[in-house]
Protein backbone atom coordinates (compact mmCIF):
# COMPACT_ATOMS: atom_id res chain seq x y z
CA MET A 1 92.04 -6.75 261.22
CA LEU A 2 93.52 -8.08 258.50
CA THR A 3 93.21 -5.82 255.52
CA SER A 4 94.76 -6.08 251.74
CA GLU A 5 96.28 -2.79 252.63
CA ASN A 6 97.85 -3.78 256.23
CA LEU A 7 99.14 -7.26 254.22
CA SER A 8 100.44 -5.92 251.42
CA ALA A 9 102.43 -3.49 253.49
CA LYS A 10 103.61 -5.90 255.92
CA ALA A 11 104.66 -8.53 253.57
CA ALA A 12 107.07 -6.53 251.37
CA LEU A 13 109.62 -8.30 250.59
CA TRP A 14 111.57 -6.46 248.31
CA ASP A 15 113.05 -3.45 248.33
CA VAL A 16 112.06 -1.64 244.88
CA ASP A 17 113.73 1.76 245.22
CA ARG A 18 117.19 -0.17 245.41
CA LEU A 19 116.13 -1.69 242.35
CA SER A 20 116.12 1.66 240.66
CA GLY A 21 113.65 1.15 238.02
CA MET A 22 114.61 -2.14 236.83
CA LYS A 23 112.53 -5.25 235.76
CA PRO A 24 111.83 -6.90 239.45
CA ILE A 25 114.49 -9.68 239.42
CA GLN A 26 111.47 -12.77 239.25
CA GLN A 27 110.79 -11.06 235.62
CA ARG A 28 114.10 -10.49 235.00
CA HIS A 29 115.27 -14.26 235.73
CA HIS A 30 112.13 -15.72 234.12
CA TRP A 31 112.97 -13.11 230.88
CA MET A 32 117.00 -14.70 230.90
CA GLN A 33 115.35 -18.20 231.52
CA GLN A 34 113.03 -17.37 228.54
CA GLN A 35 115.99 -16.41 226.07
CA ILE A 36 117.92 -19.44 226.89
CA LYS A 37 115.31 -21.68 225.77
CA ASN A 38 114.81 -20.18 222.60
CA VAL A 39 118.44 -20.40 221.65
CA LEU A 40 118.59 -24.16 222.72
CA LYS A 41 115.44 -24.50 220.80
CA LYS A 42 117.01 -22.96 217.81
CA LEU A 43 120.24 -25.43 218.47
CA GLY A 44 117.80 -28.37 218.58
CA LEU A 45 119.14 -29.07 221.86
CA TYR A 46 115.77 -27.93 224.50
CA SER A 47 114.83 -31.23 224.68
CA THR A 48 118.42 -33.37 225.61
CA VAL A 49 119.41 -30.39 227.74
CA ARG A 50 116.27 -30.26 229.70
CA ARG A 51 116.10 -33.98 229.87
CA MET A 52 119.87 -34.61 231.57
CA ALA A 53 119.64 -31.16 233.64
CA SER A 54 116.32 -31.83 235.54
CA PRO A 55 117.28 -34.86 237.97
CA TYR A 56 120.56 -32.48 239.13
CA LEU A 57 118.16 -29.56 239.17
CA GLN A 58 115.54 -31.01 241.11
CA TRP A 59 118.04 -32.55 243.38
CA ARG A 60 119.79 -29.57 244.12
CA LEU A 61 116.21 -27.29 244.37
CA THR A 62 115.05 -30.00 247.26
CA ALA A 63 118.59 -29.67 249.15
CA ARG A 64 118.64 -25.81 249.16
CA MET A 65 114.71 -26.15 250.36
CA ARG A 66 115.72 -28.86 253.10
CA ALA A 67 118.22 -26.13 254.26
CA PHE A 68 115.94 -23.29 254.52
CA TYR A 69 113.26 -24.69 256.01
CA ARG A 70 115.26 -26.58 258.38
CA GLN A 71 115.39 -22.84 260.36
CA PHE A 72 111.69 -23.35 261.13
CA ILE A 73 110.62 -27.30 261.13
CA GLN A 74 112.49 -29.53 264.14
CA PRO A 75 111.42 -33.33 264.05
CA ASN A 76 108.31 -34.41 265.22
CA ASP A 77 106.85 -30.86 264.48
CA LEU A 78 103.24 -29.90 262.87
CA VAL A 79 103.36 -28.55 259.39
CA PHE A 80 100.35 -27.41 257.74
CA ASP A 81 100.90 -27.87 253.48
CA VAL A 82 98.04 -25.50 252.37
CA GLY A 83 97.95 -25.53 248.28
CA ALA A 84 100.10 -28.50 248.63
CA ASN A 85 99.44 -29.32 244.62
CA VAL A 86 100.92 -32.93 244.01
CA GLY A 87 103.03 -32.86 247.57
CA ARG A 88 106.74 -31.19 246.71
CA TYR A 89 107.02 -28.96 249.41
CA THR A 90 105.12 -32.11 251.33
CA ALA A 91 108.01 -34.28 250.51
CA VAL A 92 110.48 -31.89 251.97
CA PHE A 93 108.48 -31.20 255.49
CA LEU A 94 108.42 -34.95 256.15
CA SER A 95 111.77 -35.44 255.07
CA LEU A 96 113.01 -33.42 257.99
CA GLY A 97 110.92 -34.95 260.11
CA ALA A 98 107.80 -33.00 260.60
CA ARG A 99 103.96 -34.22 260.76
CA VAL A 100 102.62 -32.63 257.86
CA LEU A 101 99.26 -31.92 256.80
CA ALA A 102 99.04 -31.80 253.06
CA ILE A 103 95.67 -29.38 251.97
CA GLU A 104 94.58 -29.28 248.72
CA PRO A 105 91.59 -28.66 246.83
CA GLN A 106 91.89 -30.71 243.73
CA ALA A 107 90.99 -34.30 243.94
CA LYS A 108 93.42 -35.16 240.58
CA CYS A 109 96.54 -33.44 242.90
CA MET A 110 95.42 -35.20 246.73
CA ALA A 111 95.23 -38.38 244.85
CA GLN A 112 99.09 -38.06 244.25
CA ILE A 113 100.23 -37.25 246.89
CA GLN A 114 98.32 -40.17 248.74
CA ALA A 115 99.72 -42.24 246.15
CA ARG A 116 103.22 -40.99 247.33
CA PHE A 117 102.73 -40.36 250.49
CA GLY A 118 99.43 -42.41 251.72
CA LYS A 119 101.05 -45.14 254.11
CA HIS A 120 103.65 -42.78 255.75
CA PRO A 121 102.39 -42.07 259.23
CA ARG A 122 103.56 -38.58 259.72
CA ALA A 123 101.40 -37.95 256.33
CA MET A 124 97.82 -36.39 257.11
CA PHE A 125 95.50 -35.09 254.28
CA TYR A 126 92.42 -32.80 254.13
CA LEU A 127 90.84 -32.87 250.55
CA GLY A 128 89.62 -29.08 250.29
CA GLY A 129 90.20 -25.22 250.82
CA VAL A 130 91.26 -22.75 253.14
CA SER A 131 89.44 -19.64 253.46
CA ALA A 132 87.75 -17.18 255.84
CA GLN A 133 85.57 -19.22 256.88
CA GLN A 134 83.64 -22.70 256.65
CA GLY A 135 81.77 -23.33 253.75
CA GLU A 136 82.10 -24.43 249.56
CA LEU A 137 83.45 -22.03 247.11
CA GLU A 138 83.97 -22.05 243.28
CA LEU A 139 87.72 -23.15 242.50
CA HIS A 140 88.36 -21.69 239.24
CA LEU A 141 90.66 -25.04 237.56
CA CYS A 142 94.13 -24.34 235.02
CA ASN A 143 95.30 -26.44 232.74
CA ALA A 144 98.58 -25.64 234.63
CA HIS A 145 96.56 -27.15 237.97
CA ALA A 146 99.49 -25.07 240.14
CA LYS A 147 97.38 -22.15 239.17
CA SER A 148 94.24 -23.01 240.05
CA SER A 149 92.76 -20.30 242.54
CA PHE A 150 89.52 -19.44 244.31
CA SER A 151 90.04 -15.27 243.30
CA PRO A 152 88.58 -14.80 239.66
CA GLU A 153 90.42 -10.70 240.20
CA TRP A 154 93.47 -12.76 240.87
CA ILE A 155 93.03 -14.57 237.29
CA GLU A 156 91.98 -11.25 235.82
CA ARG A 157 95.64 -9.61 237.34
CA VAL A 158 97.93 -12.24 235.71
CA LYS A 159 96.65 -13.76 232.72
CA SER A 160 97.55 -11.26 230.23
CA ARG A 161 101.45 -11.35 231.87
CA SER A 162 104.31 -12.12 230.10
CA GLY A 163 104.54 -16.06 229.66
CA TRP A 164 101.24 -16.99 230.88
CA GLU A 165 100.27 -17.31 227.44
CA GLN A 166 99.58 -20.59 227.90
CA ARG A 167 96.99 -20.71 230.68
CA ARG A 168 93.87 -21.12 230.25
CA TRP A 169 91.03 -21.35 233.40
CA TYR A 170 88.55 -24.02 231.27
CA ALA A 171 85.91 -24.65 234.26
CA THR A 172 84.76 -24.14 237.83
CA GLU A 173 83.75 -26.62 240.72
CA LYS A 174 82.56 -26.01 243.94
CA VAL A 175 84.56 -27.81 246.77
CA PRO A 176 84.31 -27.59 250.93
CA VAL A 177 86.41 -25.00 252.87
CA THR A 178 87.71 -25.15 255.78
CA THR A 179 89.54 -21.96 258.52
CA LEU A 180 93.21 -22.59 259.64
CA ASP A 181 91.54 -22.32 263.24
CA ALA A 182 89.85 -25.27 262.62
CA LEU A 183 92.42 -26.98 261.45
CA ILE A 184 94.15 -25.69 264.57
CA GLU A 185 91.40 -27.29 266.68
CA THR A 186 91.13 -30.27 265.10
CA HIS A 187 94.87 -31.15 264.61
CA GLY A 188 96.55 -28.38 267.00
CA VAL A 189 98.78 -25.28 266.53
CA PRO A 190 101.34 -25.78 263.83
CA ALA A 191 104.71 -24.94 263.82
CA PHE A 192 104.62 -24.08 260.48
CA ILE A 193 101.92 -23.21 257.52
CA LYS A 194 103.38 -22.75 254.30
CA ILE A 195 100.50 -21.16 251.69
CA ASP A 196 100.35 -21.23 248.38
CA VAL A 197 97.23 -20.19 247.28
CA GLU A 198 97.37 -18.07 243.77
CA GLY A 199 95.57 -14.59 245.02
CA HIS A 200 93.35 -16.66 247.81
CA GLU A 201 96.04 -15.57 250.70
CA LEU A 202 94.28 -12.91 252.55
CA PRO A 203 90.89 -14.69 253.37
CA VAL A 204 93.14 -17.92 254.23
CA LEU A 205 94.92 -15.74 256.78
CA GLN A 206 91.55 -14.53 258.18
CA GLY A 207 90.48 -17.81 259.01
CA LEU A 208 93.34 -17.35 261.48
CA SER A 209 92.58 -15.44 265.00
CA GLN A 210 95.57 -17.13 266.86
CA PRO A 211 99.20 -17.01 266.79
CA VAL A 212 101.52 -19.51 265.35
CA LYS A 213 106.03 -19.52 265.44
CA ALA A 214 106.08 -18.88 261.62
CA LEU A 215 104.41 -19.29 258.37
CA SER A 216 105.15 -18.16 254.66
CA PHE A 217 102.80 -16.89 251.81
CA GLU A 218 103.22 -15.90 248.20
CA TYR A 219 103.78 -11.84 247.73
CA THR A 220 103.80 -10.82 244.41
CA VAL A 221 104.09 -7.11 243.20
CA GLU A 222 101.40 -6.19 240.76
């Protein structure tokens, strides 16, 4: 039985003791980014540097993602991209030769995914969410669409964080949700499941009752 307690214990990826009282790595990285950004803005160079650096940074990040996921994904493997957003990871998985089921509850994001990959022979799509049971859930829509969430508790925890001041959850809408078990029944057992669902990870995993080769999900130290 998965609970929030044993999930947190099993998913801990950082050795907090080794940080010796310093800020978590992710927070320090964000702080450094913000300082560099502020300096460039004062010099009037931020927009120019961002425009020039963006293609290279995107290429470098994609190359690193491909190298990482190649450890888990072989050509013709089935991959579930749960919380596909606008298809960034879907593109990486397809580039590795995988068959990809892109799962996304936001219609506007799904429209972008289908515009990119609608004719791709190895791309499949599910407009909806994933949870512990099939049915409907309220999706809390954010002005930064990657932060829309099924979890009001998660939103309450993160909205006061540094760097999140511009995030606004402005509306809710009911969307259909299914389970990983139901998706497996329809599409087969995936070699890899990527889960990025902004605080809804536990219900997603509770809807999986059978072993899979590998999966990933976001874990945030509160």
